[in-house]
Amino acid sequence: MGSAASPLVHGPLYAGCMAAITLVLLDRLRIYHPPGIALSMYPLLLRPGPLFAVDVVLPFMVLAVVSAAILGRTIKSWPEYLRPLVSVDGRT
């Protein structure tokens, strides 16, 4: 979100607003991911360029997802990955 807004606005006030919007959005999606909030602020504070998400975020995201999937399949005590939002009995 911060990468999309960075061509239009920048600065700590906008970064704080973007962090608040991201926090609310992630809460609505039931996702707890503090690095996502930090990454939404970064482009507004430091203006790294339009390809920041592709150059920096994408390789680390791919690495994290692939490693979690491999570990989830090879280590029996590893937590379930991707966990459904609703359990089988209907409770959250």
PDB file of N, CA and C in Angstrom:
ATOM      1  N   MET A   1       0.821  -1.187   0.000  1.00  0.00           N
ATOM      2  CA  MET A   1       0.000   0.000   0.000  1.00  0.00           C
ATOM      3  C   MET A   1       0.866   1.253   0.000  1.00  0.00           C
ATOM      4  N   GLY A   2       1.951   1.213   0.763  1.00  0.00           N
ATOM      5  CA  GLY A   2       2.837   2.365   0.810  1.00  0.00           C
ATOM      6  C   GLY A   2       3.518   2.626  -0.508  1.00  0.00           C
ATOM      7  N   SER A   3       3.839   1.573  -1.242  1.00  0.00           N
ATOM      8  CA  SER A   3       4.463   1.741  -2.554  1.00  0.00           C
ATOM      9  C   SER A   3       3.508   2.408  -3.533  1.00  0.00           C
ATOM     10  N   ALA A   4       2.233   2.113  -3.422  1.00  0.00           N
ATOM     11  CA  ALA A   4       1.257   2.735  -4.308  1.00  0.00           C
ATOM     12  C   ALA A   4       1.055   4.212  -3.979  1.00  0.00           C
ATOM     13  N   ALA A   5       1.166   4.578  -2.715  1.00  0.00           N
ATOM     14  CA  ALA A   5       0.949   5.963  -2.305  1.00  0.00           C
ATOM     15  C   ALA A   5       2.202   6.817  -2.402  1.00  0.00           C
ATOM     16  N   SER A   6       3.380   6.203  -2.449  1.00  0.00           N
ATOM     17  CA  SER A   6       4.625   6.978  -2.391  1.00  0.00           C
ATOM     18  C   SER A   6       4.844   7.944  -3.549  1.00  0.00           C
ATOM     19  N   PRO A   7       4.341   7.696  -4.771  1.00  0.00           N
ATOM     20  CA  PRO A   7       4.512   8.726  -5.802  1.00  0.00           C
ATOM     21  C   PRO A   7       3.718  10.000  -5.521  1.00  0.00           C
ATOM     22  N   LEU A   8       2.678   9.899  -4.718  1.00  0.00           N
ATOM     23  CA  LEU A   8       1.812  11.044  -4.456  1.00  0.00           C
ATOM     24  C   LEU A   8       2.179  11.796  -3.188  1.00  0.00           C
ATOM     25  N   VAL A   9       2.506  11.081  -2.128  1.00  0.00           N
ATOM     26  CA  VAL A   9       2.769  11.703  -0.824  1.00  0.00           C
ATOM     27  C   VAL A   9       3.972  11.040  -0.170  1.00  0.00           C
ATOM     28  N   HIS A  10       4.587  11.730   0.763  1.00  0.00           N
ATOM     29  CA  HIS A  10       5.654  11.148   1.564  1.00  0.00           C
ATOM     30  C   HIS A  10       5.790  11.946   2.863  1.00  0.00           C
ATOM     31  N   GLY A  11       6.446  11.326   3.834  1.00  0.00           N
ATOM     32  CA  GLY A  11       6.670  11.962   5.118  1.00  0.00           C
ATOM     33  C   GLY A  11       6.119  11.139   6.262  1.00  0.00           C
ATOM     34  N   PRO A  12       6.520  11.512   7.481  1.00  0.00           N
ATOM     35  CA  PRO A  12       6.123  10.720   8.655  1.00  0.00           C
ATOM     36  C   PRO A  12       4.621  10.739   8.936  1.00  0.00           C
ATOM     37  N   LEU A  13       3.947  11.836   8.656  1.00  0.00           N
ATOM     38  CA  LEU A  13       2.503  11.897   8.899  1.00  0.00           C
ATOM     39  C   LEU A  13       1.768  10.900   8.003  1.00  0.00           C
ATOM     40  N   TYR A  14       2.113  10.881   6.736  1.00  0.00           N
ATOM     41  CA  TYR A  14       1.477   9.945   5.806  1.00  0.00           C
ATOM     42  C   TYR A  14       1.875   8.505   6.111  1.00  0.00           C
ATOM     43  N   ALA A  15       3.110   8.302   6.541  1.00  0.00           N
ATOM     44  CA  ALA A  15       3.545   6.956   6.913  1.00  0.00           C
ATOM     45  C   ALA A  15       2.755   6.450   8.114  1.00  0.00           C
ATOM     46  N   GLY A  16       2.516   7.307   9.080  1.00  0.00           N
ATOM     47  CA  GLY A  16       1.709   6.927  10.238  1.00  0.00           C
ATOM     48  C   GLY A  16       0.273   6.604   9.852  1.00  0.00           C
ATOM     49  N   CYS A  17      -0.286   7.409   8.949  1.00  0.00           N
ATOM     50  CA  CYS A  17      -1.646   7.137   8.468  1.00  0.00           C
ATOM     51  C   CYS A  17      -1.700   5.808   7.710  1.00  0.00           C
ATOM     52  N   MET A  18      -0.685   5.554   6.894  1.00  0.00           N
ATOM     53  CA  MET A  18      -0.639   4.296   6.138  1.00  0.00           C
ATOM     54  C   MET A  18      -0.501   3.108   7.094  1.00  0.00           C
ATOM     55  N   ALA A  19       0.293   3.265   8.153  1.00  0.00           N
ATOM     56  CA  ALA A  19       0.428   2.196   9.143  1.00  0.00           C
ATOM     57  C   ALA A  19      -0.908   1.911   9.816  1.00  0.00           C
ATOM     58  N   ALA A  20      -1.660   2.961  10.149  1.00  0.00           N
ATOM     59  CA  ALA A  20      -2.966   2.774  10.789  1.00  0.00           C
ATOM     60  C   ALA A  20      -3.943   2.085   9.839  1.00  0.00           C
ATOM     61  N   ILE A  21      -3.949   2.499   8.572  1.00  0.00           N
ATOM     62  CA  ILE A  21      -4.835   1.869   7.588  1.00  0.00           C
ATOM     63  C   ILE A  21      -4.473   0.403   7.407  1.00  0.00           C
ATOM     64  N   THR A  22      -3.184   0.122   7.312  1.00  0.00           N
ATOM     65  CA  THR A  22      -2.734  -1.258   7.143  1.00  0.00           C
ATOM     66  C   THR A  22      -3.091  -2.102   8.355  1.00  0.00           C
ATOM     67  N   LEU A  23      -2.928  -1.548   9.551  1.00  0.00           N
ATOM     68  CA  LEU A  23      -3.274  -2.272  10.770  1.00  0.00           C
ATOM     69  C   LEU A  23      -4.756  -2.632  10.786  1.00  0.00           C
ATOM     70  N   VAL A  24      -5.611  -1.693  10.439  1.00  0.00           N
ATOM     71  CA  VAL A  24      -7.053  -1.951  10.414  1.00  0.00           C
ATOM     72  C   VAL A  24      -7.381  -2.999   9.349  1.00  0.00           C
ATOM     73  N   LEU A  25      -6.767  -2.866   8.171  1.00  0.00           N
ATOM     74  CA  LEU A  25      -7.026  -3.826   7.091  1.00  0.00           C
ATOM     75  C   LEU A  25      -6.572  -5.232   7.475  1.00  0.00           C
ATOM     76  N   LEU A  26      -5.382  -5.348   8.052  1.00  0.00           N
ATOM     77  CA  LEU A  26      -4.895  -6.665   8.459  1.00  0.00           C
ATOM     78  C   LEU A  26      -5.756  -7.257   9.574  1.00  0.00           C
ATOM     79  N   ASP A  27      -6.263  -6.404  10.471  1.00  0.00           N
ATOM     80  CA  ASP A  27      -7.154  -6.885  11.525  1.00  0.00           C
ATOM     81  C   ASP A  27      -8.459  -7.406  10.931  1.00  0.00           C
ATOM     82  N   ARG A  28      -8.986  -6.702   9.955  1.00  0.00           N
ATOM     83  CA  ARG A  28     -10.225  -7.148   9.294  1.00  0.00           C
ATOM     84  C   ARG A  28     -10.021  -8.484   8.581  1.00  0.00           C
ATOM     85  N   LEU A  29      -8.817  -8.678   8.025  1.00  0.00           N
ATOM     86  CA  LEU A  29      -8.506  -9.923   7.331  1.00  0.00           C
ATOM     87  C   LEU A  29      -8.059 -11.022   8.287  1.00  0.00           C
ATOM     88  N   ARG A  30      -7.989 -10.678   9.570  1.00  0.00           N
ATOM     89  CA  ARG A  30      -7.574 -11.604  10.630  1.00  0.00           C
ATOM     90  C   ARG A  30      -6.150 -12.104  10.413  1.00  0.00           C
ATOM     91  N   ILE A  31      -5.266 -11.170  10.050  1.00  0.00           N
ATOM     92  CA  ILE A  31      -3.856 -11.468   9.813  1.00  0.00           C
ATOM     93  C   ILE A  31      -3.039 -10.657  10.804  1.00  0.00           C
ATOM     94  N   TYR A  32      -2.159 -11.298  11.537  1.00  0.00           N
ATOM     95  CA  TYR A  32      -1.250 -10.582  12.426  1.00  0.00           C
ATOM     96  C   TYR A  32       0.126 -10.618  11.774  1.00  0.00           C
ATOM     97  N   HIS A  33       0.554  -9.486  11.226  1.00  0.00           N
ATOM     98  CA  HIS A  33       1.818  -9.452  10.503  1.00  0.00           C
ATOM     99  C   HIS A  33       2.475  -8.074  10.675  1.00  0.00           C
ATOM    100  N   PRO A  34       3.188  -7.848  11.799  1.00  0.00           N
ATOM    101  CA  PRO A  34       3.838  -6.552  12.024  1.00  0.00           C
ATOM    102  C   PRO A  34       4.804  -6.125  10.909  1.00  0.00           C
ATOM    103  N   PRO A  35       5.552  -7.049  10.269  1.00  0.00           N
ATOM    104  CA  PRO A  35       6.398  -6.579   9.165  1.00  0.00           C
ATOM    105  C   PRO A  35       5.593  -5.971   8.018  1.00  0.00           C
ATOM    106  N   GLY A  36       4.379  -6.396   7.822  1.00  0.00           N
ATOM    107  CA  GLY A  36       3.539  -5.802   6.784  1.00  0.00           C
ATOM    108  C   GLY A  36       3.232  -4.348   7.074  1.00  0.00           C
ATOM    109  N   ILE A  37       3.050  -4.036   8.341  1.00  0.00           N
ATOM    110  CA  ILE A  37       2.803  -2.649   8.729  1.00  0.00           C
ATOM    111  C   ILE A  37       4.065  -1.824   8.516  1.00  0.00           C
ATOM    112  N   ALA A  38       5.209  -2.355   8.887  1.00  0.00           N
ATOM    113  CA  ALA A  38       6.471  -1.642   8.688  1.00  0.00           C
ATOM    114  C   ALA A  38       6.752  -1.443   7.203  1.00  0.00           C
ATOM    115  N   LEU A  39       6.477  -2.448   6.390  1.00  0.00           N
ATOM    116  CA  LEU A  39       6.718  -2.322   4.955  1.00  0.00           C
ATOM    117  C   LEU A  39       5.768  -1.337   4.293  1.00  0.00           C
ATOM    118  N   SER A  40       4.607  -1.098   4.875  1.00  0.00           N
ATOM    119  CA  SER A  40       3.714  -0.085   4.319  1.00  0.00           C
ATOM    120  C   SER A  40       4.223   1.325   4.618  1.00  0.00           C
ATOM    121  N   MET A  41       5.011   1.478   5.680  1.00  0.00           N
ATOM    122  CA  MET A  41       5.551   2.784   6.045  1.00  0.00           C
ATOM    123  C   MET A  41       6.853   3.118   5.308  1.00  0.00           C
ATOM    124  N   TYR A  42       7.648   2.110   5.032  1.00  0.00           N
ATOM    125  CA  TYR A  42       8.988   2.299   4.486  1.00  0.00           C
ATOM    126  C   TYR A  42       9.028   3.163   3.218  1.00  0.00           C
ATOM    127  N   PRO A  43       8.204   2.872   2.197  1.00  0.00           N
ATOM    128  CA  PRO A  43       8.282   3.697   0.983  1.00  0.00           C
ATOM    129  C   PRO A  43       7.910   5.162   1.208  1.00  0.00           C
ATOM    130  N   LEU A  44       7.040   5.420   2.172  1.00  0.00           N
ATOM    131  CA  LEU A  44       6.628   6.795   2.435  1.00  0.00           C
ATOM    132  C   LEU A  44       7.686   7.564   3.221  1.00  0.00           C
ATOM    133  N   LEU A  45       8.506   6.857   3.960  1.00  0.00           N
ATOM    134  CA  LEU A  45       9.560   7.525   4.731  1.00  0.00           C
ATOM    135  C   LEU A  45      10.843   7.694   3.935  1.00  0.00           C
ATOM    136  N   LEU A  46      11.243   6.687   3.182  1.00  0.00           N
ATOM    137  CA  LEU A  46      12.562   6.705   2.547  1.00  0.00           C
ATOM    138  C   LEU A  46      12.537   6.796   1.028  1.00  0.00           C
ATOM    139  N   ARG A  47      11.380   6.665   0.397  1.00  0.00           N
ATOM    140  CA  ARG A  47      11.211   6.781  -1.055  1.00  0.00           C
ATOM    141  C   ARG A  47      12.218   5.935  -1.830  1.00  0.00           C
ATOM    142  N   PRO A  48      12.160   4.608  -1.698  1.00  0.00           N
ATOM    143  CA  PRO A  48      13.142   3.748  -2.343  1.00  0.00           C
ATOM    144  C   PRO A  48      12.936   3.551  -3.843  1.00  0.00           C
ATOM    145  N   GLY A  49      11.838   3.963  -4.384  1.00  0.00           N
ATOM    146  CA  GLY A  49      11.591   3.808  -5.816  1.00  0.00           C
ATOM    147  C   GLY A  49      10.381   2.939  -6.090  1.00  0.00           C
ATOM    148  N   PRO A  50       9.917   2.948  -7.334  1.00  0.00           N
ATOM    149  CA  PRO A  50       8.677   2.234  -7.661  1.00  0.00           C
ATOM    150  C   PRO A  50       8.803   0.710  -7.654  1.00  0.00           C
ATOM    151  N   LEU A  51       9.993   0.188  -7.772  1.00  0.00           N
ATOM    152  CA  LEU A  51      10.158  -1.269  -7.812  1.00  0.00           C
ATOM    153  C   LEU A  51      10.544  -1.863  -6.458  1.00  0.00           C
ATOM    154  N   PHE A  52      10.353  -1.125  -5.388  1.00  0.00           N
ATOM    155  CA  PHE A  52      10.702  -1.602  -4.054  1.00  0.00           C
ATOM    156  C   PHE A  52      10.008  -2.925  -3.731  1.00  0.00           C
ATOM    157  N   ALA A  53       8.718  -3.013  -4.028  1.00  0.00           N
ATOM    158  CA  ALA A  53       7.968  -4.230  -3.694  1.00  0.00           C
ATOM    159  C   ALA A  53       8.493  -5.437  -4.469  1.00  0.00           C
ATOM    160  N   VAL A  54       8.893  -5.227  -5.708  1.00  0.00           N
ATOM    161  CA  VAL A  54       9.387  -6.332  -6.531  1.00  0.00           C
ATOM    162  C   VAL A  54      10.827  -6.681  -6.171  1.00  0.00           C
ATOM    163  N   ASP A  55      11.661  -5.670  -5.960  1.00  0.00           N
ATOM    164  CA  ASP A  55      13.089  -5.898  -5.688  1.00  0.00           C
ATOM    165  C   ASP A  55      13.364  -6.435  -4.293  1.00  0.00           C
ATOM    166  N   VAL A  56      12.622  -5.959  -3.310  1.00  0.00           N
ATOM    167  CA  VAL A  56      12.929  -6.290  -1.915  1.00  0.00           C
ATOM    168  C   VAL A  56      11.916  -7.249  -1.307  1.00  0.00           C
ATOM    169  N   VAL A  57      10.648  -6.944  -1.412  1.00  0.00           N
ATOM    170  CA  VAL A  57       9.616  -7.701  -0.713  1.00  0.00           C
ATOM    171  C   VAL A  57       9.369  -9.063  -1.366  1.00  0.00           C
ATOM    172  N   LEU A  58       9.241  -9.103  -2.673  1.00  0.00           N
ATOM    173  CA  LEU A  58       8.901 -10.350  -3.367  1.00  0.00           C
ATOM    174  C   LEU A  58       9.888 -11.487  -3.117  1.00  0.00           C
ATOM    175  N   PRO A  59      11.222 -11.272  -3.235  1.00  0.00           N
ATOM    176  CA  PRO A  59      12.136 -12.400  -2.977  1.00  0.00           C
ATOM    177  C   PRO A  59      12.033 -12.947  -1.559  1.00  0.00           C
ATOM    178  N   PHE A  60      11.898 -12.070  -0.568  1.00  0.00           N
ATOM    179  CA  PHE A  60      11.783 -12.535   0.811  1.00  0.00           C
ATOM    180  C   PHE A  60      10.453 -13.236   1.054  1.00  0.00           C
ATOM    181  N   MET A  61       9.384 -12.765   0.431  1.00  0.00           N
ATOM    182  CA  MET A  61       8.086 -13.409   0.589  1.00  0.00           C
ATOM    183  C   MET A  61       8.116 -14.820  -0.004  1.00  0.00           C
ATOM    184  N   VAL A  62       8.690 -14.953  -1.187  1.00  0.00           N
ATOM    185  CA  VAL A  62       8.792 -16.270  -1.823  1.00  0.00           C
ATOM    186  C   VAL A  62       9.621 -17.208  -0.957  1.00  0.00           C
ATOM    187  N   LEU A  63      10.736 -16.716  -0.446  1.00  0.00           N
ATOM    188  CA  LEU A  63      11.601 -17.528   0.417  1.00  0.00           C
ATOM    189  C   LEU A  63      10.859 -17.966   1.685  1.00  0.00           C
ATOM    190  N   ALA A  64      10.112 -17.049   2.300  1.00  0.00           N
ATOM    191  CA  ALA A  64       9.387 -17.382   3.528  1.00  0.00           C
ATOM    192  C   ALA A  64       8.293 -18.415   3.281  1.00  0.00           C
ATOM    193  N   VAL A  65       7.534 -18.254   2.206  1.00  0.00           N
ATOM    194  CA  VAL A  65       6.437 -19.173   1.921  1.00  0.00           C
ATOM    195  C   VAL A  65       6.965 -20.556   1.550  1.00  0.00           C
ATOM    196  N   VAL A  66       7.992 -20.595   0.710  1.00  0.00           N
ATOM    197  CA  VAL A  66       8.543 -21.883   0.289  1.00  0.00           C
ATOM    198  C   VAL A  66       9.177 -22.613   1.466  1.00  0.00           C
ATOM    199  N   SER A  67       9.948 -21.899   2.293  1.00  0.00           N
ATOM    200  CA  SER A  67      10.588 -22.561   3.435  1.00  0.00           C
ATOM    201  C   SER A  67       9.551 -23.050   4.445  1.00  0.00           C
ATOM    202  N   ALA A  68       8.484 -22.270   4.683  1.00  0.00           N
ATOM    203  CA  ALA A  68       7.439 -22.714   5.610  1.00  0.00           C
ATOM    204  C   ALA A  68       6.709 -23.936   5.063  1.00  0.00           C
ATOM    205  N   ALA A  69       6.472 -23.966   3.759  1.00  0.00           N
ATOM    206  CA  ALA A  69       5.800 -25.118   3.166  1.00  0.00           C
ATOM    207  C   ALA A  69       6.675 -26.364   3.249  1.00  0.00           C
ATOM    208  N   ILE A  70       7.966 -26.220   2.984  1.00  0.00           N
ATOM    209  CA  ILE A  70       8.883 -27.367   3.061  1.00  0.00           C
ATOM    210  C   ILE A  70       8.998 -27.867   4.498  1.00  0.00           C
ATOM    211  N   LEU A  71       9.186 -26.953   5.435  1.00  0.00           N
ATOM    212  CA  LEU A  71       9.303 -27.356   6.836  1.00  0.00           C
ATOM    213  C   LEU A  71       8.004 -27.983   7.341  1.00  0.00           C
ATOM    214  N   GLY A  72       6.864 -27.462   6.894  1.00  0.00           N
ATOM    215  CA  GLY A  72       5.584 -28.011   7.311  1.00  0.00           C
ATOM    216  C   GLY A  72       5.364 -29.432   6.822  1.00  0.00           C
ATOM    217  N   ARG A  73       5.978 -29.777   5.712  1.00  0.00           N
ATOM    218  CA  ARG A  73       5.807 -31.130   5.172  1.00  0.00           C
ATOM    219  C   ARG A  73       6.859 -32.107   5.666  1.00  0.00           C
ATOM    220  N   THR A  74       8.012 -31.601   6.135  1.00  0.00           N
ATOM    221  CA  THR A  74       9.088 -32.506   6.540  1.00  0.00           C
ATOM    222  C   THR A  74       9.211 -32.682   8.049  1.00  0.00           C
ATOM    223  N   ILE A  75       8.795 -31.707   8.827  1.00  0.00           N
ATOM    224  CA  ILE A  75       8.910 -31.789  10.289  1.00  0.00           C
ATOM    225  C   ILE A  75       7.512 -31.984  10.872  1.00  0.00           C
ATOM    226  N   LYS A  76       7.303 -33.096  11.541  1.00  0.00           N
ATOM    227  CA  LYS A  76       5.965 -33.445  12.034  1.00  0.00           C
ATOM    228  C   LYS A  76       5.445 -32.468  13.090  1.00  0.00           C
ATOM    229  N   SER A  77       6.337 -31.878  13.906  1.00  0.00           N
ATOM    230  CA  SER A  77       5.893 -30.977  14.968  1.00  0.00           C
ATOM    231  C   SER A  77       5.726 -29.536  14.493  1.00  0.00           C
ATOM    232  N   TRP A  78       5.989 -29.271  13.219  1.00  0.00           N
ATOM    233  CA  TRP A  78       5.857 -27.919  12.674  1.00  0.00           C
ATOM    234  C   TRP A  78       4.380 -27.530  12.633  1.00  0.00           C
ATOM    235  N   PRO A  79       4.032 -26.263  12.974  1.00  0.00           N
ATOM    236  CA  PRO A  79       2.616 -25.858  12.949  1.00  0.00           C
ATOM    237  C   PRO A  79       2.020 -25.973  11.544  1.00  0.00           C
ATOM    238  N   GLU A  80       0.720 -26.193  11.517  1.00  0.00           N
ATOM    239  CA  GLU A  80       0.014 -26.327  10.242  1.00  0.00           C
ATOM    240  C   GLU A  80       0.096 -25.020   9.460  1.00  0.00           C
ATOM    241  N   TYR A  81       0.391 -25.126   8.185  1.00  0.00           N
ATOM    242  CA  TYR A  81       0.495 -23.949   7.330  1.00  0.00           C
ATOM    243  C   TYR A  81      -0.301 -24.218   6.079  1.00  0.00           C
ATOM    244  N   LEU A  82      -1.042 -23.545   5.732  1.00  0.00           N
ATOM    245  CA  LEU A  82      -2.004 -22.508   5.887  1.00  0.00           C
ATOM    246  C   LEU A  82      -3.167 -23.023   6.725  1.00  0.00           C
ATOM    247  N   ARG A  83      -3.446 -22.365   7.788  1.00  0.00           N
ATOM    248  CA  ARG A  83      -4.526 -22.765   8.689  1.00  0.00           C
ATOM    249  C   ARG A  83      -5.823 -22.105   8.244  1.00  0.00           C
ATOM    250  N   PRO A  84      -6.929 -22.846   8.168  1.00  0.00           N
ATOM    251  CA  PRO A  84      -8.200 -22.250   7.747  1.00  0.00           C
ATOM    252  C   PRO A  84      -8.712 -21.255   8.785  1.00  0.00           C
ATOM    253  N   LEU A  85      -9.510 -20.282   8.324  1.00  0.00           N
ATOM    254  CA  LEU A  85     -10.065 -19.282   9.223  1.00  0.00           C
ATOM    255  C   LEU A  85     -11.124 -19.865  10.149  1.00  0.00           C
ATOM    256  N   VAL A  86     -11.847 -20.869   9.695  1.00  0.00           N
ATOM    257  CA  VAL A  86     -12.890 -21.493  10.493  1.00  0.00           C
ATOM    258  C   VAL A  86     -12.545 -22.952  10.690  1.00  0.00           C
ATOM    259  N   SER A  87     -12.685 -23.424  11.920  1.00  0.00           N
ATOM    260  CA  SER A  87     -12.375 -24.823  12.207  1.00  0.00           C
ATOM    261  C   SER A  87     -13.484 -25.725  11.658  1.00  0.00           C
ATOM    262  N   VAL A  88     -13.250 -27.009  11.725  1.00  0.00           N
ATOM    263  CA  VAL A  88     -14.196 -27.987  11.178  1.00  0.00           C
ATOM    264  C   VAL A  88     -15.526 -27.946  11.929  1.00  0.00           C
ATOM    265  N   ASP A  89     -15.491 -27.701  13.238  1.00  0.00           N
ATOM    266  CA  ASP A  89     -16.726 -27.692  14.018  1.00  0.00           C
ATOM    267  C   ASP A  89     -17.441 -26.343  13.981  1.00  0.00           C
ATOM    268  N   GLY A  90     -16.931 -25.358  13.197  1.00  0.00           N
ATOM    269  CA  GLY A  90     -17.626 -24.077  13.027  1.00  0.00           C
ATOM    270  C   GLY A  90     -17.159 -22.979  13.937  1.00  0.00           C
ATOM    271  N   ARG A  91     -16.329 -23.292  14.918  1.00  0.00           N
ATOM    272  CA  ARG A  91     -15.814 -22.245  15.811  1.00  0.00           C
ATOM    273  C   ARG A  91     -14.578 -21.628  15.195  1.00  0.00           C
ATOM    274  N   THR A  92     -14.318 -20.349  15.536  1.00  0.00           N
ATOM    275  CA  THR A  92     -13.124 -19.666  15.017  1.00  0.00           C
ATOM    276  C   THR A  92     -11.972 -19.802  15.975  1.00  0.00           C
TER     277      THR A  92
END
